[in-house]
Amino acid sequence: MASSDVRAPDTYRALFATSKGPFVLALHREWAPLAADRLWTLLGNGFYNGARFHRVVNPGVVQFGIAADPELNRRWLSQTLADEPRVASNSRWRVGFATSGEHSRATQLFIHTARNEWLDEMAHQARRTHGLGARRDLTQGALLRSASSRSA
C-alpha cells in the first residue's frame, strides 16, 4: 500500500452521481488490495468530484480519473501502485485502474462495457452493480458530480 493510502474495508460500495445518472461499484479488496485501498482513499478525499469521463472506446471501455482540481491531480499522479495479479475475470462491467505500463496505476479507472480480451492482464477490484445500464449512457465529457464510499 502506498504510504498515503488508507486500508479499505474488505468489501465496500462506491457511489457515483454523474450527469448521465448514478452508478454503484461493489469493491472486493481480495481481488486487488492495493487498488481497493487507493480507490477508498481517493473517494474519501473527493478526488473524482467534478471529473469527467475522458475516453470512450466502443465497444470496450470508458475511462475517467483525472481530477477537476489540477493541484489534486498533480499530487496523486506520481503516486503509482505496484502491479497486482488478476484474480477476477475481465468481463463486462468490471472496473480496474488504467495502466500505461509496469507499476503505473495511479488514479484513472476503466469501466469495461464489453468483454475485453485484449486487457486480460489487468487486475480488477470492482464490478458495477447497478446504474448506467447501457453503453450509450457513458459518453465522453459526461460529468462525475460526486463520488463517495461506504462499507458494504
Protein backbone atom coordinates (compact mmCIF):
# COMPACT_ATOMS: atom_id res chain seq x y z
CA MET A 1 0.00 0.00 0.00
CA ALA A 2 1.31 3.44 -0.89
CA SER A 3 2.11 5.45 2.23
CA SER A 4 -0.74 7.88 1.55
CA ASP A 5 -3.43 5.21 1.05
CA VAL A 6 -5.82 4.17 3.82
CA ARG A 7 -6.63 0.47 4.24
CA ALA A 8 -10.07 -0.15 2.77
CA PRO A 9 -12.70 -2.45 4.26
CA ASP A 10 -12.73 -5.96 2.80
CA THR A 11 -15.80 -5.02 0.77
CA TYR A 12 -17.35 -1.63 0.15
CA ARG A 13 -19.54 0.28 -2.25
CA ALA A 14 -18.54 3.30 -4.31
CA LEU A 15 -21.43 5.57 -5.26
CA PHE A 16 -21.04 7.81 -8.32
CA ALA A 17 -23.51 10.55 -9.29
CA THR A 18 -23.00 11.59 -12.91
CA SER A 19 -24.69 13.84 -15.45
CA LYS A 20 -25.90 10.60 -17.10
CA GLY A 21 -27.31 9.07 -13.91
CA PRO A 22 -25.90 7.28 -10.87
CA PHE A 23 -23.98 4.04 -10.72
CA VAL A 24 -22.63 1.88 -7.91
CA LEU A 25 -19.48 -0.24 -7.75
CA ALA A 26 -19.04 -3.17 -5.39
CA LEU A 27 -15.40 -3.41 -4.35
CA HIS A 28 -13.64 -6.53 -3.17
CA ARG A 29 -10.28 -5.92 -1.51
CA GLU A 30 -9.24 -9.56 -2.06
CA TRP A 31 -9.34 -9.02 -5.84
CA ALA A 32 -6.72 -6.24 -5.79
CA PRO A 33 -5.84 -4.93 -2.30
CA LEU A 34 -3.62 -2.04 -3.39
CA ALA A 35 -6.18 -0.84 -5.90
CA ALA A 36 -9.07 -1.15 -3.42
CA ASP A 37 -7.10 0.88 -0.85
CA ARG A 38 -6.26 3.53 -3.44
CA LEU A 39 -9.86 3.92 -4.60
CA TRP A 40 -11.10 4.08 -0.98
CA THR A 41 -8.56 6.84 -0.29
CA LEU A 42 -9.35 8.82 -3.44
CA LEU A 43 -13.08 8.62 -2.78
CA GLY A 44 -12.54 9.81 0.79
CA ASN A 45 -10.56 12.80 -0.49
CA GLY A 46 -13.19 13.81 -3.07
CA PHE A 47 -10.70 13.18 -5.88
CA TYR A 48 -13.32 12.24 -8.50
CA ASN A 49 -15.82 15.03 -7.73
CA GLY A 50 -16.20 17.17 -10.84
CA ALA A 51 -14.10 14.84 -13.03
CA ARG A 52 -15.25 13.83 -16.49
CA PHE A 53 -15.29 10.63 -18.49
CA HIS A 54 -12.46 11.47 -20.87
CA ARG A 55 -12.08 8.39 -23.05
CA VAL A 56 -14.67 6.12 -24.62
CA VAL A 57 -13.72 3.14 -26.79
CA ASN A 58 -16.84 1.42 -28.13
CA PRO A 59 -17.40 -1.31 -27.59
CA GLY A 60 -14.94 -1.74 -24.81
CA VAL A 61 -14.05 0.75 -22.12
CA VAL A 62 -14.94 4.07 -20.60
CA GLN A 63 -12.14 5.84 -18.76
CA PHE A 64 -12.16 8.53 -16.06
CA GLY A 65 -9.93 9.64 -13.22
CA ILE A 66 -8.35 13.00 -13.96
CA ALA A 67 -9.28 15.29 -11.08
CA ALA A 68 -11.10 18.53 -11.86
CA ASP A 69 -8.64 20.22 -9.47
CA PRO A 70 -5.24 20.36 -11.25
CA GLU A 71 -3.33 20.56 -7.95
CA LEU A 72 -5.08 17.47 -6.58
CA ASN A 73 -4.39 15.64 -9.82
CA ARG A 74 -0.69 16.63 -9.77
CA ARG A 75 -0.32 15.44 -6.18
CA TRP A 76 -1.57 11.93 -6.99
CA LEU A 77 -0.10 11.43 -10.46
CA SER A 78 3.32 10.33 -9.22
CA GLN A 79 1.91 8.01 -6.54
CA THR A 80 1.70 4.88 -8.66
CA LEU A 81 0.74 1.41 -7.50
CA ALA A 82 2.66 -1.82 -7.92
CA ASP A 83 1.04 -4.29 -10.30
CA GLU A 84 -1.23 -6.94 -8.81
CA PRO A 85 -2.17 -10.33 -10.26
CA ARG A 86 -5.52 -10.67 -11.95
CA VAL A 87 -7.86 -12.61 -9.68
CA ALA A 88 -11.31 -11.73 -11.03
CA SER A 89 -12.32 -12.31 -14.62
CA ASN A 90 -12.17 -9.44 -17.07
CA SER A 91 -15.82 -9.36 -18.05
CA ARG A 92 -18.40 -6.72 -18.84
CA TRP A 93 -18.83 -4.12 -16.07
CA ARG A 94 -15.57 -4.95 -14.28
CA VAL A 95 -13.61 -1.92 -13.12
CA GLY A 96 -9.87 -1.53 -12.75
CA PHE A 97 -7.18 1.11 -12.70
CA ALA A 98 -5.82 2.08 -16.10
CA THR A 99 -2.18 1.34 -16.75
CA SER A 100 0.38 2.63 -19.23
CA GLY A 101 2.99 0.01 -18.37
CA GLU A 102 4.52 -1.78 -15.43
CA HIS A 103 3.66 -0.33 -12.00
CA SER A 104 1.91 2.71 -13.50
CA ARG A 105 -1.60 2.62 -11.98
CA ALA A 106 -2.47 5.86 -10.20
CA THR A 107 -5.98 7.42 -10.39
CA GLN A 108 -7.60 6.67 -13.75
CA LEU A 109 -10.18 3.90 -13.93
CA PHE A 110 -11.55 1.75 -16.75
CA ILE A 111 -15.14 0.56 -16.76
CA HIS A 112 -15.33 -2.39 -19.12
CA THR A 113 -18.54 -2.10 -21.12
CA ALA A 114 -17.77 -5.29 -23.04
CA ARG A 115 -15.61 -8.40 -22.66
CA ASN A 116 -12.10 -7.10 -23.43
CA GLU A 117 -9.73 -9.98 -24.03
CA TRP A 118 -7.02 -7.50 -25.06
CA LEU A 119 -6.96 -6.23 -21.45
CA ASP A 120 -6.91 -9.62 -19.73
CA GLU A 121 -3.72 -8.87 -17.82
CA MET A 122 -5.37 -6.02 -15.86
CA ALA A 123 -6.26 -6.57 -12.21
CA HIS A 124 -9.83 -5.61 -11.35
CA GLN A 125 -11.00 -4.51 -7.96
CA ALA A 126 -14.69 -3.88 -8.58
CA ARG A 127 -17.79 -4.64 -10.56
CA ARG A 128 -20.64 -2.31 -11.42
CA THR A 129 -23.74 -3.47 -9.55
CA HIS A 130 -26.33 -1.10 -10.99
CA GLY A 131 -26.85 2.13 -12.85
CA LEU A 132 -25.70 3.21 -16.30
CA GLY A 133 -27.11 0.08 -17.85
CA ALA A 134 -26.47 0.98 -21.46
CA ARG A 135 -23.11 1.69 -23.06
CA ARG A 136 -24.61 4.75 -24.71
CA ASP A 137 -25.09 6.25 -21.22
CA LEU A 138 -21.34 6.54 -20.78
CA THR A 139 -20.16 9.28 -23.07
CA GLN A 140 -17.01 11.32 -23.34
CA GLY A 141 -17.42 14.53 -21.40
CA ALA A 142 -20.08 13.20 -19.02
CA LEU A 143 -19.58 14.81 -15.62
CA LEU A 144 -18.94 12.98 -12.35
CA ARG A 145 -20.79 15.25 -9.97
CA SER A 146 -19.79 13.38 -6.83
CA ALA A 147 -18.26 10.11 -5.71
CA SER A 148 -18.32 8.60 -2.24
CA SER A 149 -17.85 5.29 -0.47
CA ARG A 150 -19.39 3.31 2.34
CA SER A 151 -18.68 -0.04 3.92
CA ALA A 152 -20.73 -2.88 2.47
